[in-house]
Amino acid sequence: MSFDRNQLQRYGWNDFFNAAFHDLAAEGLVPGRVALEYNQFYRVLTDKGELLAEITGKLKHEAASRSELPAVGDWVALRVRESENKATIQAVLPRRSKFARKTKGSKTEEQIVGANIDTIFLVTSLNQDFNPRRIERYLAIAWDSGASPVVLLTKTDLCDDLAEKLNAVRDVSMGVPMHAVCAIKDEGLDELEPYFTAGKTVALIGSSGVGKSTLINRLIGFERQAVKEVRQADDRGLHTTRHRELILMPNGALVLDTPGMRELQLWDADEGIETTFEDIEELATGCYFTDCKHGNEPRCAVRAAIEDGTLAAERFENYLKMQRELEFLARRQDQFAQKMERNRVKKLTKEGEERSKSKRQGK
């Protein structure tokens, strides 16, 4: 079944996905991009319009984890049932980028927040939500995603010390582009236009109440996303976005709106931490001992920088906290992998026993 490649380009289709889809096209499948996921159903954008889709039992069964199943932003291979205006998802195409975190709670599993993103807006408001330590965490994951991070500071109208907070962000962002806006007053939005070009995908990631939905409404020119008033007690907006959703803008760009995150646990963010804390990594090369833990060792360049005020102690503590978190995650992943292998062997053994029993009974 043929498809209109030019029509798909408005959703972000390019040569990378076209090459990955080559063999699947020979099977009569068509490509589509996941715009919304809910209750195991997906709304998928195709060259013929939107379709409601569900995954095949085989795809679900063969997936080693939830992260191998479709996520919002993924390109997928579909078998279309035209008479029903529905489809089944047969495969997920390779991802060019992904913003991933560990699932909430004690479960050791990767959760894909969004896939195939070009730019990630790390959104934080300049009121009581402002937290440089959280920005560092978001940056670590964003750098590891494969997309380009941008720090977006909202609600400038609620900030009495803008210059001070802008300097605080510059101190932790290591040259990442930064923009301060007030969506309800349309202030600073012109600076964001270069990111929103036809076929490009921009994700908005941040806590509840930082103004993502208000920003999207201003960018697309009408009230598409529900917005609630902020609480007087803490200047925080009420949670409105319930699902991750890919929204097509009038100019052909795509914006991925996400629910507010109450927690953001790391997942394989080693390189992202190194990039986010490049200043600390560079300082560590000046330590007298190559295996310096930056504790009580003599001639520690990192501790010296903290003592003379070159490095903020809070930033270093956040660096150590994330390093410990990754170490703990690695141990949990090893335990999980061992458990999965035991289950696999147990399942194969059981299947072999059942086959042998069937043969004996057949005789």
Protein backbone atom coordinates (compact mmCIF):
# COMPACT_ATOMS: atom_id res chain seq x y z
CA MET A 1 0.00 0.00 0.00
CA SER A 2 1.46 3.34 -1.04
CA PHE A 3 1.53 6.48 1.06
CA ASP A 4 2.06 10.18 0.43
CA ARG A 5 5.52 11.00 1.77
CA ASN A 6 5.05 14.74 1.23
CA GLN A 7 1.91 14.71 3.33
CA LEU A 8 3.73 12.88 6.13
CA GLN A 9 6.54 15.44 6.22
CA ARG A 10 4.22 17.87 8.01
CA TYR A 11 4.22 15.35 10.89
CA GLY A 12 8.01 15.07 10.97
CA TRP A 13 8.63 12.28 8.43
CA ASN A 14 12.14 12.35 6.94
CA ASP A 15 14.79 10.18 5.28
CA PHE A 16 15.68 8.49 8.59
CA PHE A 17 12.17 7.09 9.05
CA ASN A 18 11.73 6.43 5.34
CA ALA A 19 14.80 4.15 5.35
CA ALA A 20 13.62 2.36 8.51
CA PHE A 21 10.21 1.77 6.92
CA HIS A 22 11.46 0.29 3.64
CA ASP A 23 10.91 -3.40 4.45
CA LEU A 24 7.63 -2.73 6.24
CA ALA A 25 6.25 -0.96 3.17
CA ALA A 26 6.82 -4.18 1.21
CA GLU A 27 4.42 -5.91 3.63
CA GLY A 28 1.62 -3.55 2.67
CA LEU A 29 1.85 -1.47 5.85
CA VAL A 30 1.61 2.32 6.06
CA PRO A 31 3.35 4.73 8.45
CA GLY A 32 1.68 6.90 11.05
CA ARG A 33 2.71 8.99 14.04
CA VAL A 34 1.23 8.49 17.50
CA ALA A 35 -0.47 11.70 18.63
CA LEU A 36 -2.32 10.45 21.72
CA GLU A 37 -2.47 7.33 23.87
CA TYR A 38 -5.34 6.39 26.15
CA ASN A 39 -6.63 3.09 27.55
CA GLN A 40 -4.44 1.02 25.22
CA PHE A 41 -5.79 2.81 22.16
CA TYR A 42 -3.86 5.31 20.08
CA ARG A 43 -4.80 8.26 17.90
CA VAL A 44 -2.42 8.13 14.95
CA LEU A 45 -1.69 10.76 12.28
CA THR A 46 -1.39 9.34 8.73
CA ASP A 47 -1.25 10.74 5.23
CA LYS A 48 -5.01 10.09 4.97
CA GLY A 49 -5.88 11.73 8.29
CA GLU A 50 -6.33 10.49 11.86
CA LEU A 51 -6.99 6.85 12.71
CA LEU A 52 -7.83 5.03 15.91
CA ALA A 53 -5.37 2.19 16.39
CA GLU A 54 -4.46 -0.60 18.78
CA ILE A 55 -1.35 -2.76 19.01
CA THR A 56 -1.28 -6.38 17.93
CA GLY A 57 -1.16 -9.11 20.54
CA LYS A 58 2.16 -10.27 19.09
CA LEU A 59 3.77 -6.84 19.49
CA LYS A 60 2.57 -6.62 23.07
CA HIS A 61 3.70 -10.14 23.88
CA GLU A 62 7.18 -9.75 22.37
CA ALA A 63 7.93 -6.42 24.02
CA ALA A 64 10.51 -6.92 26.77
CA SER A 65 9.23 -3.79 28.55
CA ARG A 66 6.68 -1.02 28.23
CA SER A 67 9.31 1.21 26.61
CA GLU A 68 9.30 -1.01 23.51
CA LEU A 69 5.61 -0.29 22.90
CA PRO A 70 4.38 2.85 21.11
CA ALA A 71 4.71 6.19 22.88
CA VAL A 72 3.44 9.61 21.87
CA GLY A 73 5.68 10.91 19.08
CA ASP A 74 6.61 7.46 17.80
CA TRP A 75 6.35 6.53 14.14
CA VAL A 76 4.63 3.18 13.74
CA ALA A 77 3.75 0.71 10.98
CA LEU A 78 0.01 0.25 10.51
CA ARG A 79 -2.28 -2.23 8.86
CA VAL A 80 -5.30 -0.12 7.99
CA ARG A 81 -8.93 -1.23 8.00
CA GLU A 82 -10.28 1.48 5.73
CA SER A 83 -13.94 0.52 6.06
CA GLU A 84 -13.72 1.06 9.84
CA ASN A 85 -11.28 4.01 9.76
CA LYS A 86 -9.17 2.02 12.21
CA ALA A 87 -5.81 0.27 12.19
CA THR A 88 -3.56 -2.12 14.08
CA ILE A 89 0.00 -1.18 14.98
CA GLN A 90 2.38 -3.88 13.75
CA ALA A 91 5.74 -2.32 14.64
CA VAL A 92 7.44 0.71 16.18
CA LEU A 93 10.09 2.44 14.07
CA PRO A 94 13.51 3.30 15.58
CA ARG A 95 13.50 6.53 17.60
CA ARG A 96 15.74 9.47 16.74
CA SER A 97 15.35 10.83 20.26
CA LYS A 98 13.40 10.09 23.42
CA PHE A 99 12.77 11.85 26.71
CA ALA A 100 12.68 9.00 29.22
CA ARG A 101 12.47 8.67 32.96
CA LYS A 102 12.19 5.85 35.45
CA THR A 103 8.58 4.94 36.15
CA LYS A 104 7.10 6.34 39.33
CA GLY A 105 7.38 4.31 42.51
CA SER A 106 9.58 1.31 43.18
CA LYS A 107 9.16 -0.39 39.79
CA THR A 108 12.40 -0.47 37.78
CA GLU A 109 11.23 0.30 34.27
CA GLU A 110 11.75 2.97 31.65
CA GLN A 111 8.89 5.28 30.73
CA ILE A 112 9.01 7.14 27.42
CA VAL A 113 7.55 10.59 27.94
CA GLY A 114 7.90 11.55 24.28
CA ALA A 115 9.72 10.31 21.19
CA ASN A 116 11.29 11.85 18.10
CA ILE A 117 11.52 15.33 19.60
CA ASP A 118 13.68 18.05 18.05
CA THR A 119 13.60 20.58 20.90
CA ILE A 120 12.69 20.13 24.56
CA PHE A 121 11.41 23.16 26.42
CA LEU A 122 12.19 22.63 30.10
CA VAL A 123 9.43 24.79 31.54
CA THR A 124 9.61 26.28 35.01
CA SER A 125 7.78 29.28 36.37
CA LEU A 126 9.41 32.25 38.05
CA ASN A 127 7.08 32.20 41.05
CA GLN A 128 7.26 29.75 43.95
CA ASP A 129 7.91 26.85 41.54
CA PHE A 130 11.38 28.17 40.68
CA ASN A 131 14.07 25.69 41.67
CA PRO A 132 17.59 25.60 40.12
CA ARG A 133 18.14 22.07 41.44
CA ARG A 134 15.11 20.81 39.51
CA ILE A 135 16.37 22.56 36.38
CA GLU A 136 19.66 20.66 36.73
CA ARG A 137 17.76 17.37 36.91
CA TYR A 138 15.66 18.21 33.86
CA LEU A 139 18.77 19.20 31.94
CA ALA A 140 20.52 15.92 32.76
CA ILE A 141 17.67 13.92 31.25
CA ALA A 142 17.20 16.30 28.33
CA TRP A 143 20.87 16.12 27.31
CA ASP A 144 20.60 12.32 27.32
CA SER A 145 17.46 12.36 25.14
CA GLY A 146 19.07 13.25 21.82
CA ALA A 147 16.95 16.40 21.51
CA SER A 148 18.13 19.98 22.03
CA PRO A 149 17.21 21.43 25.46
CA VAL A 150 15.93 24.96 26.02
CA VAL A 151 15.14 26.43 29.45
CA LEU A 152 11.81 28.28 29.31
CA LEU A 153 10.97 30.49 32.28
CA THR A 154 7.31 31.48 32.52
CA LYS A 155 5.19 33.92 34.54
CA THR A 156 7.58 36.84 34.52
CA ASP A 157 4.64 38.92 35.77
CA LEU A 158 4.84 37.08 39.11
CA CYS A 159 8.57 37.61 39.57
CA ASP A 160 10.01 40.52 41.56
CA ASP A 161 13.66 39.47 41.20
CA LEU A 162 13.90 38.53 37.51
CA ALA A 163 17.57 39.46 37.02
CA GLU A 164 18.63 37.40 40.03
CA LYS A 165 16.74 34.32 38.85
CA LEU A 166 18.02 34.64 35.30
CA ASN A 167 21.57 34.66 36.65
CA ALA A 168 20.79 31.58 38.77
CA VAL A 169 19.65 29.73 35.64
CA ARG A 170 22.72 30.81 33.67
CA ASP A 171 24.89 29.40 36.45
CA VAL A 172 23.41 25.92 36.04
CA SER A 173 22.45 25.75 32.35
CA MET A 174 25.98 25.79 30.88
CA GLY A 175 25.11 27.76 27.75
CA VAL A 176 21.72 26.17 27.06
CA PRO A 177 19.37 28.70 25.38
CA MET A 178 17.10 30.42 27.90
CA HIS A 179 13.95 32.46 27.41
CA ALA A 180 11.72 34.29 29.90
CA VAL A 181 8.08 34.83 28.89
CA CYS A 182 4.68 35.87 30.14
CA ALA A 183 2.12 33.97 28.08
CA ILE A 184 -0.97 35.76 29.36
CA LYS A 185 0.57 39.10 28.30
CA ASP A 186 2.17 37.73 25.10
CA GLU A 187 5.56 38.92 26.31
CA GLY A 188 8.67 37.18 24.95
CA LEU A 189 6.76 34.77 22.71
CA ASP A 190 8.30 36.16 19.51
CA GLU A 191 11.65 34.75 20.64
CA LEU A 192 10.20 31.23 20.52
CA GLU A 193 9.05 31.32 16.90
CA PRO A 194 12.34 29.98 15.40
CA TYR A 195 11.84 26.69 17.27
CA PHE A 196 8.36 26.13 15.84
CA THR A 197 8.91 25.48 12.14
CA ALA A 198 7.03 23.11 9.83
CA GLY A 199 7.69 19.44 10.54
CA LYS A 200 9.66 20.09 13.74
CA THR A 201 8.54 18.75 17.12
CA VAL A 202 8.85 20.73 20.34
CA ALA A 203 8.06 19.10 23.70
CA LEU A 204 7.01 21.03 26.80
CA ILE A 205 8.21 19.32 29.98
CA GLY A 206 7.65 20.68 33.48
CA SER A 207 5.80 20.53 36.77
CA SER A 208 2.08 21.14 37.15
CA GLY A 209 1.02 24.74 37.06
CA VAL A 210 4.01 26.23 35.25
CA GLY A 211 1.84 27.47 32.39
CA LYS A 212 2.40 24.91 29.61
CA SER A 213 -1.26 24.85 28.52
CA THR A 214 -1.53 28.65 28.55
CA LEU A 215 1.62 28.86 26.45
CA ILE A 216 0.28 26.36 23.91
CA ASN A 217 -2.98 28.29 23.60
CA ARG A 218 -1.05 31.47 22.85
CA LEU A 219 1.22 29.77 20.33
CA ILE A 220 -1.58 28.18 18.31
CA GLY A 221 -3.83 31.23 18.55
CA PHE A 222 -6.90 29.78 20.24
CA GLU A 223 -7.99 28.15 23.50
CA ARG A 224 -7.34 24.48 22.76
CA GLN A 225 -5.95 23.36 26.12
CA ALA A 226 -7.94 23.67 29.34
CA VAL A 227 -6.47 26.15 31.80
CA LYS A 228 -7.37 26.70 35.46
CA GLU A 229 -6.56 29.59 37.72
CA VAL A 230 -3.55 29.47 40.02
CA ARG A 231 -4.10 28.88 43.74
CA GLN A 232 -3.63 31.99 45.81
CA ALA A 233 -1.78 30.11 48.57
CA ASP A 234 1.19 29.04 46.49
CA ASP A 235 0.89 30.63 43.03
CA ARG A 236 0.57 27.17 41.45
CA GLY A 237 -1.86 26.35 38.69
CA LEU A 238 -4.15 23.38 39.02
CA HIS A 239 -3.32 20.26 37.01
CA THR A 240 -5.15 20.37 33.67
CA THR A 241 -3.34 18.21 31.07
CA ARG A 242 -4.24 14.54 31.58
CA HIS A 243 -2.52 12.87 28.64
CA ARG A 244 0.61 13.35 26.59
CA GLU A 245 -0.55 14.71 23.26
CA LEU A 246 1.06 15.74 19.97
CA ILE A 247 -0.64 18.87 18.64
CA LEU A 248 -0.33 20.14 15.08
CA MET A 249 0.10 23.91 15.01
CA PRO A 250 -1.32 26.16 12.26
CA ASN A 251 2.17 26.82 10.87
CA GLY A 252 2.93 23.08 10.50
CA ALA A 253 5.05 22.64 13.63
CA LEU A 254 4.16 20.05 16.25
CA VAL A 255 4.07 20.60 20.00
CA LEU A 256 4.03 17.77 22.52
CA ASP A 257 2.11 18.72 25.64
CA THR A 258 2.70 16.62 28.75
CA PRO A 259 1.00 16.36 32.16
CA GLY A 260 2.80 18.09 35.00
CA MET A 261 5.48 15.91 36.57
CA ARG A 262 5.42 15.48 40.31
CA GLU A 263 8.67 13.55 40.20
CA LEU A 264 11.38 12.99 37.62
CA GLN A 265 13.55 9.99 38.35
CA LEU A 266 16.65 9.40 36.27
CA TRP A 267 17.02 6.63 33.70
CA ASP A 268 20.44 5.96 32.11
CA ALA A 269 21.43 9.63 32.26
CA ASP A 270 25.18 9.20 32.74
CA GLU A 271 26.18 11.32 29.76
CA GLY A 272 23.48 13.85 30.56
CA ILE A 273 24.86 14.33 34.07
CA GLU A 274 28.38 14.76 32.72
CA THR A 275 27.16 17.46 30.32
CA THR A 276 24.94 19.21 32.88
CA PHE A 277 27.71 19.29 35.47
CA GLU A 278 30.54 19.88 33.04
CA ASP A 279 32.05 22.44 35.39
CA ILE A 280 32.34 19.89 38.20
CA GLU A 281 33.73 17.24 35.86
CA GLU A 282 36.35 19.74 34.69
CA LEU A 283 37.25 20.72 38.27
CA ALA A 284 37.70 17.05 39.17
CA THR A 285 40.51 16.72 36.62
CA GLY A 286 42.53 19.06 38.86
CA CYS A 287 42.27 16.88 41.95
CA TYR A 288 45.55 15.46 43.26
CA PHE A 289 44.15 11.90 43.36
CA THR A 290 42.65 10.54 40.14
CA ASP A 291 40.07 8.55 42.14
CA CYS A 292 39.19 11.49 44.42
CA LYS A 293 35.69 11.23 45.94
CA HIS A 294 35.75 14.95 46.79
CA GLY A 295 35.31 14.25 50.47
CA ASN A 296 38.23 14.55 52.90
CA GLU A 297 41.01 13.84 50.41
CA PRO A 298 43.85 16.39 50.41
CA ARG A 299 44.31 18.80 47.49
CA CYS A 300 40.78 18.25 46.17
CA ALA A 301 40.04 20.85 43.48
CA VAL A 302 36.27 20.44 43.83
CA ARG A 303 36.29 21.11 47.58
CA ALA A 304 38.61 24.04 47.05
CA ALA A 305 36.15 25.54 44.56
CA ILE A 306 33.32 25.18 47.08
CA GLU A 307 35.39 26.83 49.81
CA ASP A 308 36.33 29.83 47.67
CA GLY A 309 32.79 30.24 46.35
CA THR A 310 33.56 29.28 42.74
CA LEU A 311 31.22 26.28 43.01
CA ALA A 312 27.93 26.37 44.89
CA ALA A 313 27.73 23.66 47.56
CA GLU A 314 24.06 23.03 46.67
CA ARG A 315 25.00 22.33 43.06
CA PHE A 316 27.69 19.86 44.10
CA GLU A 317 25.30 18.10 46.50
CA ASN A 318 22.74 17.76 43.69
CA TYR A 319 25.46 16.29 41.46
CA LEU A 320 26.32 13.71 44.12
CA LYS A 321 22.64 12.93 44.70
CA MET A 322 22.08 12.15 41.02
CA GLN A 323 25.24 10.05 40.85
CA ARG A 324 24.00 7.97 43.81
CA GLU A 325 20.59 7.66 42.19
CA LEU A 326 22.14 6.27 39.00
CA GLU A 327 24.28 3.82 40.96
CA PHE A 328 21.22 2.55 42.80
CA LEU A 329 19.29 2.29 39.52
CA ALA A 330 22.11 0.29 37.93
CA ARG A 331 21.97 -2.24 40.77
CA ARG A 332 18.19 -2.51 40.42
CA GLN A 333 18.51 -2.97 36.65
CA ASP A 334 20.99 -5.81 37.16
CA GLN A 335 18.60 -7.49 39.58
CA PHE A 336 15.70 -6.97 37.18
CA ALA A 337 17.68 -8.42 34.25
CA GLN A 338 18.57 -11.50 36.31
CA LYS A 339 14.93 -11.94 37.27
CA MET A 340 13.80 -11.65 33.63
CA GLU A 341 16.38 -14.22 32.57
CA ARG A 342 15.21 -16.65 35.28
CA ASN A 343 11.62 -16.18 34.14
CA ARG A 344 12.62 -16.74 30.51
CA VAL A 345 14.44 -19.99 31.31
CA LYS A 346 11.54 -21.12 33.50
CA LYS A 347 9.07 -20.42 30.69
CA LEU A 348 11.16 -22.27 28.10
CA THR A 349 11.56 -25.24 30.45
CA LYS A 350 7.81 -25.37 31.07
CA GLU A 351 7.06 -25.19 27.34
CA GLY A 352 9.55 -27.98 26.68
CA GLU A 353 7.97 -30.16 29.34
CA GLU A 354 4.51 -29.54 27.89
CA ARG A 355 5.70 -30.48 24.40
CA SER A 356 7.31 -33.67 25.71
CA LYS A 357 4.11 -34.54 27.58
CA SER A 358 2.03 -33.98 24.47
CA LYS A 359 4.30 -36.25 22.42
CA ARG A 360 4.08 -39.00 25.03
CA GLN A 361 0.32 -38.76 25.13
CA GLY A 362 0.21 -38.78 21.34
CA LYS A 363 2.05 -42.07 21.32
